[in-house]
Amino acid sequence: MDQQLLQVVIALACVASVLVLLLKWTRYQRAQKKILRARERRTASLEQAEQAVHEFKKANPGVDSTNIVSLPLAELTKRIRSGSLQPEAVLHAYIEKALEVNQKLNCGTDVLMESLKQLEDIESHRNGILYGVPVSLKENIGYKGYDSSCGVLCKLNEPALNDSVVVRVLKRQGAVPFIKTNIPQGLLNYECSNPIYGMTVNPHNLQKTCGGSSGGEGALIGGGGSILGLGTDIAGSIRIPASFCGICGFKPTFNRISLHGVNSCVKGIKSVPSSIGPMARDVESLALCMRALLSTDMFSLDPTIPPLPFNQQVYDSTEHLRIGYYDNDGYHQPSPSMSRALQETKKLLEQAGHTLVPFQPPRLFMAIHEYATKGILADGGTTLLRYLEEGPIDPCLQPQAITYSIPRFVKKILSIFLRPICPRMASAMNAICGVNSVTDMWEQHKNIEDYISEVIAEWRRLEMDVLLCPVLGPAYNFYYSGMLTSSLSYTVMYNLLNFPAGVVPVTTVTADDEAQMNRYRGNFADIWDKLFLKAVQDSVGLPVAVQCVSLPWQDELCLRFMREVEKLSVRKKHTNTY
């Protein structure tokens, strides 16, 4: 009898195993079919775009596409408005260039063929600030009829029913959205890869990441395939790819630009707000985009946005500034190239007559863990993990997914054991456990409000106008981003504080910078510092940027400061060339 029972148990176990395997196989097949259909749609849109370009060039053999895509945005808009360039020619030139860049970098997810139909009505928007300007969009920004998948399978085949508010405003201002760009799976990663569309690479070095989560935007603009784009930023998602790809990027104050119709896998975060902002080759293009977006159209389409038009007077000001600065936040030691970029920029600003004063964000260790990390992962990462259930997890996201999947009590135990040997990692492990209760969340929100007041009080005490500080860079080797969330301290800080912040490329990595990297130890000499050393190896020639920051709602002042940094940097490069 016992033997018969054992046989039954074994048989049931075998059947259960077969059923589990069958279920996994069925899930896998379903996921692969979804991915295949999405890739087929992308291929079809690329082929349609290529055919449209071919037909346009055949009908207009005299159009010089190369010259069009080399023009700065200010010059391009001037020529379109004067009639010396037609919007149709500009759009086809950028579609052609975007196809070329995409083939090399894999930065596009869909060419928006509706852009060609939009040209039929373009004259009705001749007075728009961005009349005839092609604009690229991060994949999660809603465009009617297209997915905003955020790189996860469960959001595929759910095309937007309407354009997002920013897309509607862009169209009313005469802009022509023409392509959507790639993102990391789930958006909470600063590499740019997902199981649907694959990995996007850096335009300056194909063996480096372009950054994320607005990585497709950074790569496309950095590669010359777009002149202006929109990204989103919750922990540096505009600024990091801008830094890595050698372009300018701006994160406005939260709620300065409408997020209505913009998709996410973690909606509802209040502690560390996300912003939508422009990315471009130069600061003037960012300012032009902000002028266009901050219009009555924006305020009427989304009444929750404060009706604050762009303050041109502040942006145009040439008065000397009192600038705070720091080159090491005490949490993550910047790379030698980043430190050099910061010091060189400080010197240029002083020579131009500005006043530089040392500044240090207070209690940054606690702010990063207890406020920023715990704010983003208040649920312990369970919401993101839920979105990953349907399909494979991308290798870039795997380290984060594994960590978030560890049971909460195990994370707490690990945090205790890690504290003596790696305090930074121990505090981070405790932070990603999330909050314990609604009461704890309310307490955290109160603490963040107090912290913001504390930082502003120090800012006021020093009588600062703006702040100069590092941004993450240079670009990483592949697959390190998911293991190095510690490096985000320079960017996530200004989402937590809700301060507008932007990045401007100022130099490139030299052989001397690379040699100094061999002596890099970091602020803690822990495993994260050692991983960072490996992440940025072999970076000679890559762009390096600095970060400019202002107080909330002073977005125009931040852009004005960025323009000053850009002007001085360009002048220095020009002088050194001769």
Protein backbone atom coordinates (compact mmCIF):
# COMPACT_ATOMS: atom_id res chain seq x y z
CA MET A 1 0.00 0.00 0.00
CA ASP A 2 2.79 2.38 0.91
CA GLN A 3 4.50 1.59 -2.38
CA GLN A 4 1.30 2.30 -4.32
CA LEU A 5 0.89 5.61 -2.50
CA LEU A 6 4.48 6.51 -3.29
CA GLN A 7 3.89 5.73 -6.97
CA VAL A 8 0.79 7.94 -6.98
CA VAL A 9 2.71 10.79 -5.34
CA ILE A 10 5.54 10.45 -7.86
CA ALA A 11 3.05 10.36 -10.74
CA LEU A 12 1.28 13.48 -9.46
CA ALA A 13 4.60 15.24 -9.01
CA CYS A 14 5.56 14.37 -12.59
CA VAL A 15 2.21 15.60 -13.92
CA ALA A 16 2.57 18.83 -11.91
CA SER A 17 6.10 19.34 -13.26
CA VAL A 18 4.91 18.78 -16.82
CA LEU A 19 2.04 21.24 -16.31
CA VAL A 20 4.39 23.88 -14.90
CA LEU A 21 6.79 23.42 -17.83
CA LEU A 22 3.89 23.53 -20.27
CA LEU A 23 2.60 26.73 -18.68
CA LYS A 24 6.05 28.32 -18.87
CA TRP A 25 6.45 27.20 -22.49
CA THR A 26 3.01 28.61 -23.37
CA ARG A 27 3.88 31.91 -21.67
CA TYR A 28 7.20 32.05 -23.46
CA GLN A 29 5.58 31.38 -26.85
CA ARG A 30 2.92 34.03 -26.21
CA ALA A 31 5.60 36.55 -25.24
CA GLN A 32 7.71 35.76 -28.30
CA LYS A 33 4.71 36.23 -30.59
CA LYS A 34 4.00 39.62 -29.01
CA ILE A 35 7.62 40.68 -29.45
CA LEU A 36 7.68 39.43 -33.05
CA ARG A 37 4.51 41.39 -33.94
CA ALA A 38 5.93 44.57 -32.40
CA ARG A 39 9.18 44.17 -34.31
CA GLU A 40 7.28 43.50 -37.53
CA ARG A 41 5.31 46.73 -37.01
CA ARG A 42 8.54 48.64 -36.49
CA THR A 43 10.12 47.09 -39.59
CA ALA A 44 7.02 47.99 -41.62
CA SER A 45 7.15 51.62 -40.45
CA LEU A 46 10.87 51.86 -41.26
CA GLU A 47 10.25 50.44 -44.74
CA GLN A 48 7.36 52.84 -45.35
CA ALA A 49 9.53 55.75 -44.25
CA GLU A 50 12.37 54.63 -46.51
CA GLN A 51 9.96 54.40 -49.45
CA ALA A 52 8.56 57.88 -48.70
CA VAL A 53 12.08 59.35 -48.66
CA HIS A 54 12.92 57.58 -51.93
CA GLU A 55 9.83 58.97 -53.65
CA PHE A 56 10.44 62.49 -52.33
CA LYS A 57 14.06 62.53 -53.49
CA LYS A 58 13.03 61.23 -56.90
CA ALA A 59 10.47 64.02 -57.25
CA ASN A 60 12.82 66.68 -55.77
CA PRO A 61 16.37 65.89 -56.95
CA GLY A 62 17.70 69.36 -56.09
CA VAL A 63 17.04 69.19 -52.33
CA ASP A 64 20.25 69.07 -50.28
CA SER A 65 19.31 66.92 -47.27
CA THR A 66 22.83 66.98 -45.84
CA ASN A 67 22.80 70.77 -45.58
CA ILE A 68 19.34 70.78 -43.98
CA VAL A 69 20.25 68.43 -41.13
CA SER A 70 23.45 70.37 -40.40
CA LEU A 71 21.62 73.63 -39.65
CA PRO A 72 21.19 74.76 -36.02
CA LEU A 73 17.55 74.98 -34.93
CA ALA A 74 17.52 78.79 -34.83
CA GLU A 75 18.75 78.95 -38.43
CA LEU A 76 16.44 76.15 -39.56
CA THR A 77 13.33 77.88 -38.19
CA LYS A 78 14.43 81.16 -39.79
CA ARG A 79 14.77 79.56 -43.22
CA ILE A 80 11.48 77.68 -42.98
CA ARG A 81 9.66 80.86 -41.97
CA SER A 82 11.26 82.86 -44.79
CA GLY A 83 10.23 80.21 -47.33
CA SER A 84 13.77 79.32 -48.45
CA LEU A 85 13.19 75.85 -46.99
CA GLN A 86 9.91 73.95 -47.24
CA PRO A 87 8.62 71.93 -44.24
CA GLU A 88 8.23 68.92 -46.54
CA ALA A 89 11.91 69.00 -47.50
CA VAL A 90 12.98 69.39 -43.86
CA LEU A 91 10.82 66.50 -42.68
CA HIS A 92 12.04 64.11 -45.37
CA ALA A 93 15.67 65.13 -44.71
CA TYR A 94 15.29 64.26 -41.03
CA ILE A 95 13.43 61.03 -41.71
CA GLU A 96 16.26 60.00 -44.02
CA LYS A 97 18.91 60.91 -41.44
CA ALA A 98 16.99 59.23 -38.62
CA LEU A 99 16.79 56.00 -40.65
CA GLU A 100 20.54 56.13 -41.21
CA VAL A 101 21.27 56.76 -37.51
CA ASN A 102 18.79 54.10 -36.40
CA GLN A 103 20.47 51.50 -38.58
CA LYS A 104 23.70 52.16 -36.71
CA LEU A 105 22.42 52.79 -33.16
CA ASN A 106 19.00 51.06 -32.97
CA CYS A 107 17.40 54.13 -31.41
CA GLY A 108 13.94 54.26 -33.03
CA THR A 109 10.80 52.28 -32.18
CA ASP A 110 8.33 53.72 -34.73
CA VAL A 111 8.42 56.23 -37.54
CA LEU A 112 5.23 58.27 -37.23
CA MET A 113 3.98 58.17 -40.82
CA GLU A 114 1.09 60.46 -39.82
CA SER A 115 3.72 63.22 -39.86
CA LEU A 116 3.48 63.24 -43.66
CA LYS A 117 -0.28 63.81 -43.46
CA GLN A 118 0.27 66.54 -40.88
CA LEU A 119 2.14 68.52 -43.55
CA GLU A 120 -1.11 68.91 -45.48
CA ASP A 121 -2.39 71.22 -42.73
CA ILE A 122 0.93 72.74 -41.69
CA GLU A 123 0.20 76.20 -43.16
CA SER A 124 -2.56 76.74 -40.60
CA HIS A 125 0.21 76.75 -37.95
CA ARG A 126 2.59 79.10 -39.77
CA ASN A 127 2.67 81.45 -36.78
CA GLY A 128 3.76 78.65 -34.44
CA ILE A 129 7.16 78.98 -32.77
CA LEU A 130 8.23 75.55 -34.09
CA TYR A 131 6.59 75.82 -37.52
CA GLY A 132 7.92 73.03 -39.75
CA VAL A 133 10.38 71.64 -37.18
CA PRO A 134 10.60 67.80 -36.98
CA VAL A 135 10.54 66.60 -33.36
CA SER A 136 11.35 63.18 -31.89
CA LEU A 137 9.49 61.68 -28.92
CA LYS A 138 10.49 59.28 -26.18
CA GLU A 139 8.50 56.08 -26.61
CA ASN A 140 6.34 56.57 -23.50
CA ILE A 141 4.95 59.91 -24.71
CA GLY A 142 1.44 59.31 -26.04
CA TYR A 143 0.85 59.68 -29.78
CA LYS A 144 -2.54 58.64 -31.13
CA GLY A 145 -2.55 55.17 -32.69
CA TYR A 146 0.86 54.12 -31.33
CA ASP A 147 1.92 52.08 -28.30
CA SER A 148 3.62 53.66 -25.31
CA SER A 149 4.92 50.32 -24.05
CA CYS A 150 7.65 51.55 -21.64
CA GLY A 151 9.55 48.47 -22.89
CA VAL A 152 7.22 45.96 -21.15
CA LEU A 153 5.11 43.36 -22.95
CA CYS A 154 1.89 43.92 -21.03
CA LYS A 155 1.66 47.46 -22.45
CA LEU A 156 2.03 46.34 -26.07
CA ASN A 157 -1.01 46.43 -28.38
CA GLU A 158 -2.52 49.28 -26.36
CA PRO A 159 -2.22 52.22 -28.79
CA ALA A 160 -2.96 55.67 -27.40
CA LEU A 161 -6.52 56.80 -28.08
CA ASN A 162 -5.43 60.46 -28.22
CA ASP A 163 -2.28 62.52 -28.45
CA SER A 164 -0.72 63.51 -25.14
CA VAL A 165 -1.02 67.18 -24.18
CA VAL A 166 2.60 67.93 -25.13
CA VAL A 167 2.13 66.39 -28.59
CA ARG A 168 -1.04 68.44 -29.13
CA VAL A 169 0.80 71.61 -28.08
CA LEU A 170 3.75 70.80 -30.34
CA LYS A 171 1.42 70.33 -33.31
CA ARG A 172 -0.39 73.61 -32.59
CA GLN A 173 3.01 75.31 -32.52
CA GLY A 174 3.73 73.92 -36.00
CA ALA A 175 6.15 71.17 -34.93
CA VAL A 176 5.99 67.80 -36.68
CA PRO A 177 6.54 64.77 -34.38
CA PHE A 178 8.06 62.16 -36.70
CA ILE A 179 9.63 59.33 -34.70
CA LYS A 180 9.41 57.57 -31.34
CA THR A 181 12.63 56.53 -29.62
CA ASN A 182 13.81 53.59 -27.54
CA ILE A 183 13.76 53.20 -23.76
CA PRO A 184 14.93 50.72 -21.10
CA GLN A 185 12.50 48.09 -19.86
CA GLY A 186 10.22 49.64 -17.25
CA LEU A 187 12.02 53.05 -17.55
CA LEU A 188 13.70 52.70 -14.12
CA ASN A 189 17.18 52.07 -15.53
CA TYR A 190 19.79 54.31 -17.09
CA GLU A 191 20.88 51.95 -19.82
CA CYS A 192 18.66 51.66 -22.92
CA SER A 193 17.60 48.11 -23.68
CA ASN A 194 14.40 46.08 -23.60
CA PRO A 195 13.28 42.67 -24.90
CA ILE A 196 11.00 44.22 -27.52
CA TYR A 197 13.27 46.58 -29.45
CA GLY A 198 16.73 45.58 -28.23
CA MET A 199 19.66 47.73 -27.12
CA THR A 200 20.43 51.29 -28.21
CA VAL A 201 24.13 52.23 -28.32
CA ASN A 202 26.14 55.42 -28.00
CA PRO A 203 26.66 57.60 -31.11
CA HIS A 204 30.27 58.36 -30.09
CA ASN A 205 31.30 54.78 -29.33
CA LEU A 206 29.22 51.74 -30.29
CA GLN A 207 30.69 49.79 -27.37
CA LYS A 208 29.16 52.19 -24.83
CA THR A 209 25.64 52.78 -23.58
CA CYS A 210 23.74 55.89 -24.61
CA GLY A 211 22.23 56.19 -21.11
CA GLY A 212 18.59 56.18 -20.10
CA SER A 213 15.81 56.20 -19.72
CA SER A 214 15.53 58.78 -22.53
CA GLY A 215 18.37 56.90 -24.21
CA GLY A 216 16.87 56.62 -27.68
CA GLU A 217 16.41 60.39 -27.71
CA GLY A 218 19.99 61.00 -26.60
CA ALA A 219 21.37 58.63 -29.24
CA LEU A 220 19.21 59.93 -32.10
CA ILE A 221 19.94 63.60 -31.39
CA GLY A 222 23.62 62.91 -30.63
CA GLY A 223 23.87 60.99 -33.92
CA GLY A 224 22.30 63.84 -35.90
CA GLY A 225 18.98 62.12 -36.63
CA SER A 226 16.83 64.67 -34.77
CA ILE A 227 17.23 68.35 -34.04
CA LEU A 228 14.85 68.49 -31.06
CA GLY A 229 13.25 65.85 -28.85
CA LEU A 230 11.27 65.32 -25.68
CA GLY A 231 12.26 62.99 -22.83
CA THR A 232 11.15 62.36 -19.26
CA ASP A 233 13.27 62.46 -16.11
CA ILE A 234 12.71 60.87 -12.68
CA ALA A 235 16.30 60.29 -11.52
CA GLY A 236 18.36 61.73 -14.34
CA SER A 237 16.59 60.13 -17.30
CA ILE A 238 17.05 63.22 -19.51
CA ARG A 239 20.33 64.46 -18.07
CA ILE A 240 22.26 61.16 -18.08
CA PRO A 241 21.69 60.31 -21.77
CA ALA A 242 22.36 63.95 -22.66
CA SER A 243 25.67 63.72 -20.77
CA PHE A 244 26.58 60.35 -22.29
CA CYS A 245 25.69 61.40 -25.86
CA GLY A 246 27.20 64.90 -25.83
CA ILE A 247 24.01 66.96 -26.16
CA CYS A 248 22.05 69.39 -23.98
CA GLY A 249 19.11 68.26 -21.86
CA PHE A 250 16.80 70.07 -19.46
CA LYS A 251 14.60 68.80 -16.62
CA PRO A 252 12.09 71.54 -15.75
CA THR A 253 10.34 72.04 -12.45
CA PHE A 254 7.73 69.32 -11.97
CA ASN A 255 4.33 70.38 -13.37
CA ARG A 256 5.76 73.20 -15.47
CA ILE A 257 4.95 71.00 -18.50
CA SER A 258 1.98 68.65 -18.67
CA LEU A 259 2.52 64.92 -18.18
CA HIS A 260 -1.05 64.12 -19.22
CA GLY A 261 -0.92 61.26 -21.71
CA VAL A 262 2.63 60.24 -20.80
CA ASN A 263 2.91 56.58 -19.81
CA SER A 264 4.88 54.98 -16.97
CA CYS A 265 5.24 51.74 -15.02
CA VAL A 266 5.31 53.54 -11.67
CA LYS A 267 2.65 56.26 -11.81
CA GLY A 268 1.68 57.84 -8.51
CA ILE A 269 5.13 58.58 -7.07
CA LYS A 270 4.94 61.86 -5.14
CA SER A 271 8.21 61.92 -3.18
CA VAL A 272 10.44 62.09 -6.28
CA PRO A 273 8.43 63.65 -9.11
CA SER A 274 9.08 63.02 -12.80
CA SER A 275 9.34 65.86 -15.31
CA ILE A 276 9.08 66.07 -19.08
CA GLY A 277 11.63 68.24 -20.88
CA PRO A 278 13.51 68.99 -24.10
CA MET A 279 16.75 67.53 -25.45
CA ALA A 280 18.73 69.17 -28.26
CA ARG A 281 22.16 70.03 -29.64
CA ASP A 282 22.36 73.44 -27.95
CA VAL A 283 20.78 75.44 -25.14
CA GLU A 284 19.01 77.91 -27.43
CA SER A 285 17.04 75.01 -28.88
CA LEU A 286 15.96 73.95 -25.38
CA ALA A 287 14.80 77.50 -24.65
CA LEU A 288 12.93 77.69 -27.97
CA CYS A 289 11.11 74.46 -27.14
CA MET A 290 10.20 75.71 -23.66
CA ARG A 291 8.86 78.95 -25.17
CA ALA A 292 6.68 76.92 -27.52
CA LEU A 293 5.38 74.56 -24.85
CA LEU A 294 4.67 77.23 -22.21
CA SER A 295 1.79 78.65 -24.21
CA THR A 296 -1.92 79.25 -23.68
CA ASP A 297 -2.48 75.94 -25.49
CA MET A 298 -0.70 74.08 -22.68
CA PHE A 299 -2.60 75.86 -19.94
CA SER A 300 -6.01 75.39 -21.59
CA LEU A 301 -5.46 71.71 -22.47
CA ASP A 302 -4.26 70.93 -18.93
CA PRO A 303 -5.67 73.36 -16.34
CA THR A 304 -3.51 71.74 -13.61
CA ILE A 305 -0.44 73.42 -15.12
CA PRO A 306 0.29 76.88 -13.64
CA PRO A 307 -0.20 79.49 -16.40
CA LEU A 308 3.40 80.72 -16.35
CA PRO A 309 4.59 81.69 -19.85
CA PHE A 310 8.30 81.62 -20.66
CA ASN A 311 10.08 84.59 -19.03
CA GLN A 312 12.20 85.88 -21.90
CA GLN A 313 13.58 88.77 -19.86
CA VAL A 314 15.18 86.40 -17.32
CA TYR A 315 16.60 84.18 -20.07
CA ASP A 316 18.08 87.16 -21.96
CA SER A 317 19.70 88.71 -18.87
CA THR A 318 23.48 89.23 -18.97
CA GLU A 319 23.97 90.24 -15.32
CA HIS A 320 26.76 88.51 -13.42
CA LEU A 321 25.63 85.55 -11.31
CA ARG A 322 26.49 84.31 -7.84
CA ILE A 323 27.08 80.61 -8.45
CA GLY A 324 27.34 77.87 -5.87
CA TYR A 325 29.41 74.82 -6.77
CA TYR A 326 30.66 71.46 -5.53
CA ASP A 327 32.78 68.86 -7.31
CA ASN A 328 32.20 65.91 -4.95
CA ASP A 329 28.95 65.32 -3.06
CA GLY A 330 30.65 62.95 -0.61
CA TYR A 331 28.53 60.04 -1.83
CA HIS A 332 29.81 59.24 -5.31
CA GLN A 333 33.25 60.47 -6.33
CA PRO A 334 33.12 61.74 -9.93
CA SER A 335 35.45 60.40 -12.61
CA PRO A 336 38.66 62.41 -13.21
CA SER A 337 37.24 63.76 -16.49
CA MET A 338 34.12 64.95 -14.69
CA SER A 339 36.15 66.63 -11.93
CA ARG A 340 38.31 68.35 -14.54
CA ALA A 341 35.23 69.49 -16.48
CA LEU A 342 33.77 71.00 -13.30
CA GLN A 343 36.97 72.82 -12.33
CA GLU A 344 37.58 74.14 -15.85
CA THR A 345 34.01 75.42 -16.06
CA LYS A 346 34.34 77.08 -12.65
CA LYS A 347 37.48 78.85 -13.80
CA LEU A 348 35.83 80.05 -17.04
CA LEU A 349 32.88 81.44 -15.10
CA GLU A 350 35.17 83.28 -12.66
CA GLN A 351 37.16 84.76 -15.55
CA ALA A 352 33.87 85.98 -17.06
CA GLY A 353 33.13 87.96 -13.89
CA HIS A 354 30.76 85.61 -12.06
CA THR A 355 31.18 84.89 -8.35
CA LEU A 356 31.69 81.24 -7.32
CA VAL A 357 30.95 80.10 -3.75
CA PRO A 358 31.38 76.60 -2.28
CA PHE A 359 28.13 74.77 -1.55
CA GLN A 360 27.41 71.32 -0.17
CA PRO A 361 23.96 69.71 -0.08
CA PRO A 362 23.21 68.95 3.60
CA ARG A 363 22.66 65.41 4.92
CA LEU A 364 23.05 63.94 1.43
CA PHE A 365 23.63 60.34 2.58
CA MET A 366 20.27 60.29 4.30
CA ALA A 367 18.58 62.19 1.48
CA ILE A 368 19.68 59.67 -1.14
CA HIS A 369 18.55 56.61 0.81
CA GLU A 370 15.69 57.61 3.11
CA TYR A 371 14.08 60.20 0.85
CA ALA A 372 15.00 59.55 -2.81
CA THR A 373 15.48 55.76 -2.99
CA LYS A 374 12.72 54.97 -0.52
CA GLY A 375 10.48 57.48 -2.27
CA ILE A 376 10.88 55.89 -5.71
CA LEU A 377 10.65 52.36 -4.29
CA ALA A 378 8.08 52.94 -1.57
CA ASP A 379 6.41 49.68 -2.62
CA GLY A 380 9.71 47.75 -2.55
CA GLY A 381 9.68 47.52 -6.35
CA THR A 382 6.56 45.33 -6.52
CA THR A 383 4.75 47.55 -9.04
CA LEU A 384 7.64 47.37 -11.49
CA LEU A 385 7.99 43.60 -10.97
CA ARG A 386 4.31 43.15 -11.76
CA TYR A 387 4.82 44.78 -15.15
CA LEU A 388 7.72 42.39 -15.84
CA GLU A 389 5.73 39.19 -15.22
CA GLU A 390 4.48 38.64 -18.76
CA GLY A 391 7.77 38.53 -20.59
CA PRO A 392 11.53 38.08 -20.29
CA ILE A 393 13.54 40.47 -18.16
CA ASP A 394 16.23 42.36 -20.02
CA PRO A 395 19.82 41.61 -18.91
CA CYS A 396 20.34 45.33 -18.16
CA LEU A 397 17.48 45.29 -15.66
CA GLN A 398 18.22 41.84 -14.22
CA PRO A 399 20.37 42.99 -11.23
CA GLN A 400 17.62 45.38 -10.10
CA ALA A 401 14.83 42.85 -10.64
CA ILE A 402 16.68 40.21 -8.63
CA THR A 403 17.28 42.63 -5.76
CA TYR A 404 13.67 43.85 -5.71
CA SER A 405 12.47 40.20 -5.73
CA ILE A 406 14.30 39.32 -2.50
CA PRO A 407 11.79 38.97 0.36
CA ARG A 408 11.59 42.07 2.51
CA PHE A 409 12.77 40.40 5.72
CA VAL A 410 15.82 39.00 3.89
CA LYS A 411 16.70 42.50 2.65
CA LYS A 412 16.47 43.74 6.23
CA ILE A 413 18.83 40.98 7.42
CA LEU A 414 21.26 41.64 4.56
CA SER A 415 21.23 45.32 5.44
CA ILE A 416 22.31 44.52 9.02
CA PHE A 417 25.14 42.21 7.91
CA LEU A 418 26.39 44.66 5.26
CA ARG A 419 26.51 47.68 7.57
CA PRO A 420 30.04 47.12 9.01
CA ILE A 421 31.67 46.33 5.65
CA CYS A 422 29.66 48.40 3.18
CA PRO A 423 27.53 51.09 4.87
CA ARG A 424 26.40 52.62 1.59
CA MET A 425 25.09 49.33 0.24
CA ALA A 426 23.54 48.47 3.61
CA SER A 427 21.56 51.72 3.69
CA ALA A 428 20.48 51.25 0.07
CA MET A 429 19.33 47.68 0.79
CA ASN A 430 17.25 48.95 3.70
CA ALA A 431 15.81 51.77 1.57
CA ILE A 432 14.58 49.47 -1.22
CA CYS A 433 12.46 47.63 1.33
CA GLY A 434 10.13 50.61 0.93
CA VAL A 435 7.87 52.12 3.56
CA ASN A 436 6.13 50.12 6.27
CA SER A 437 2.73 51.79 6.21
CA VAL A 438 0.71 54.77 5.04
CA THR A 439 1.68 56.51 8.28
CA ASP A 440 5.36 56.01 7.40
CA MET A 441 4.75 57.39 3.92
CA TRP A 442 3.13 60.52 5.31
CA GLU A 443 6.07 60.91 7.69
CA GLN A 444 8.47 60.55 4.79
CA HIS A 445 6.61 63.21 2.78
CA LYS A 446 6.85 65.57 5.76
CA ASN A 447 10.58 64.85 6.14
CA ILE A 448 11.15 65.58 2.46
CA GLU A 449 9.31 68.90 2.76
CA ASP A 450 11.52 69.78 5.72
CA TYR A 451 14.63 68.74 3.79
CA ILE A 452 13.71 70.89 0.79
CA SER A 453 13.29 73.86 3.15
CA GLU A 454 16.69 73.08 4.70
CA VAL A 455 18.45 73.06 1.32
CA ILE A 456 16.74 76.28 0.22
CA ALA A 457 17.71 77.95 3.53
CA GLU A 458 21.38 77.08 2.91
CA TRP A 459 21.03 78.31 -0.69
CA ARG A 460 19.59 81.60 0.56
CA ARG A 461 22.24 81.95 3.28
CA LEU A 462 24.93 81.85 0.59
CA GLU A 463 22.88 84.24 -1.58
CA MET A 464 23.22 81.94 -4.58
CA ASP A 465 21.48 82.52 -7.90
CA VAL A 466 22.29 79.12 -9.40
CA LEU A 467 24.38 76.01 -8.78
CA LEU A 468 27.11 74.25 -10.78
CA CYS A 469 27.79 70.57 -10.03
CA PRO A 470 28.78 67.28 -11.67
CA VAL A 471 26.51 64.97 -13.64
CA LEU A 472 27.15 61.28 -14.25
CA GLY A 473 29.71 60.61 -16.97
CA PRO A 474 31.39 59.60 -19.15
CA ALA A 475 29.27 56.89 -20.83
CA TYR A 476 29.37 53.41 -19.32
CA ASN A 477 30.30 50.07 -20.78
CA PHE A 478 27.28 47.80 -21.23
CA TYR A 479 25.42 46.11 -18.35
CA TYR A 480 26.77 48.21 -15.45
CA SER A 481 23.84 50.59 -14.98
CA GLY A 482 21.64 48.05 -13.19
CA MET A 483 24.42 47.39 -10.68
CA LEU A 484 25.34 51.05 -10.09
CA THR A 485 22.30 52.89 -8.82
CA SER A 486 24.75 54.50 -6.37
CA SER A 487 26.00 56.75 -9.17
CA LEU A 488 22.68 58.58 -9.43
CA SER A 489 23.29 60.89 -6.47
CA TYR A 490 24.08 63.91 -8.68
CA THR A 491 20.87 63.63 -10.69
CA VAL A 492 18.15 62.13 -8.44
CA MET A 493 18.92 64.83 -5.87
CA TYR A 494 17.25 67.48 -8.04
CA ASN A 495 14.16 65.37 -8.71
CA LEU A 496 13.81 64.94 -4.95
CA LEU A 497 14.20 68.70 -4.39
CA ASN A 498 12.14 69.52 -7.51
CA PHE A 499 14.81 71.97 -8.69
CA PRO A 500 15.10 72.54 -12.47
CA ALA A 501 18.39 71.15 -13.78
CA GLY A 502 20.12 70.79 -17.11
CA VAL A 503 23.36 69.51 -18.58
CA VAL A 504 25.77 71.07 -21.06
CA PRO A 505 28.69 69.20 -22.71
CA VAL A 506 31.95 71.06 -22.06
CA THR A 507 34.85 68.72 -22.89
CA THR A 508 35.89 65.17 -23.79
CA VAL A 509 37.81 62.46 -21.94
CA THR A 510 41.56 62.73 -22.47
CA ALA A 511 44.29 60.09 -22.25
CA ASP A 512 45.43 61.79 -19.04
CA ASP A 513 41.91 61.45 -17.58
CA GLU A 514 41.98 57.76 -18.45
CA ALA A 515 45.36 57.31 -16.79
CA GLN A 516 44.14 59.03 -13.62
CA MET A 517 41.16 56.68 -13.54
CA ASN A 518 43.59 53.87 -12.69
CA ARG A 519 44.15 55.61 -9.35
CA TYR A 520 40.43 56.07 -8.67
CA ARG A 521 39.35 54.80 -5.23
CA GLY A 522 36.00 56.52 -4.73
CA ASN A 523 34.63 58.00 -1.52
CA PHE A 524 34.03 54.60 0.10
CA ALA A 525 36.39 52.21 -1.73
CA ASP A 526 33.54 49.70 -1.71
CA ILE A 527 32.21 47.35 -4.39
CA TRP A 528 30.24 50.15 -6.07
CA ASP A 529 33.35 52.30 -6.42
CA LYS A 530 35.20 49.33 -7.93
CA LEU A 531 32.35 48.65 -10.35
CA PHE A 532 32.28 52.31 -11.40
CA LEU A 533 35.97 52.08 -12.27
CA LYS A 534 35.21 49.17 -14.62
CA ALA A 535 32.08 50.85 -16.01
CA VAL A 536 33.91 53.90 -17.38
CA GLN A 537 37.09 52.22 -18.63
CA ASP A 538 38.21 52.93 -22.23
CA SER A 539 36.45 56.29 -22.47
CA VAL A 540 38.98 58.48 -24.31
CA GLY A 541 37.17 60.84 -26.68
CA LEU A 542 33.75 60.52 -25.06
CA PRO A 543 31.84 63.72 -24.16
CA VAL A 544 31.74 65.08 -20.61
CA ALA A 545 29.12 67.52 -19.33
CA VAL A 546 28.41 69.62 -16.25
CA GLN A 547 25.08 70.19 -14.50
CA CYS A 548 23.37 73.55 -13.93
CA VAL A 549 20.64 73.95 -11.29
CA SER A 550 18.27 76.67 -10.05
CA LEU A 551 15.49 76.98 -7.48
CA PRO A 552 11.96 75.72 -8.28
CA TRP A 553 10.03 77.64 -10.99
CA GLN A 554 13.20 79.50 -12.01
CA ASP A 555 13.55 77.37 -15.14
CA GLU A 556 14.46 80.33 -17.33
CA LEU A 557 17.30 81.28 -14.96
CA CYS A 558 18.62 77.72 -15.15
CA LEU A 559 18.54 77.85 -18.97
CA ARG A 560 20.21 81.27 -18.93
CA PHE A 561 23.01 79.80 -16.76
CA MET A 562 23.31 76.81 -19.11
CA ARG A 563 23.63 79.19 -22.06
CA GLU A 564 26.44 81.04 -20.26
CA VAL A 565 28.32 77.77 -19.60
CA GLU A 566 27.83 76.73 -23.22
CA LYS A 567 29.04 80.09 -24.58
CA LEU A 568 32.21 80.06 -22.47
CA SER A 569 32.92 76.41 -23.29
CA VAL A 570 32.48 76.94 -27.04
CA ARG A 571 34.69 80.04 -26.91
CA LYS A 572 37.41 78.07 -25.11
CA LYS A 573 37.28 75.24 -27.67
CA HIS A 574 37.46 77.77 -30.50
CA THR A 575 40.46 79.51 -28.90
CA ASN A 576 42.28 76.21 -28.32
CA THR A 577 41.64 75.17 -31.93
CA TYR A 578 43.56 78.17 -33.13
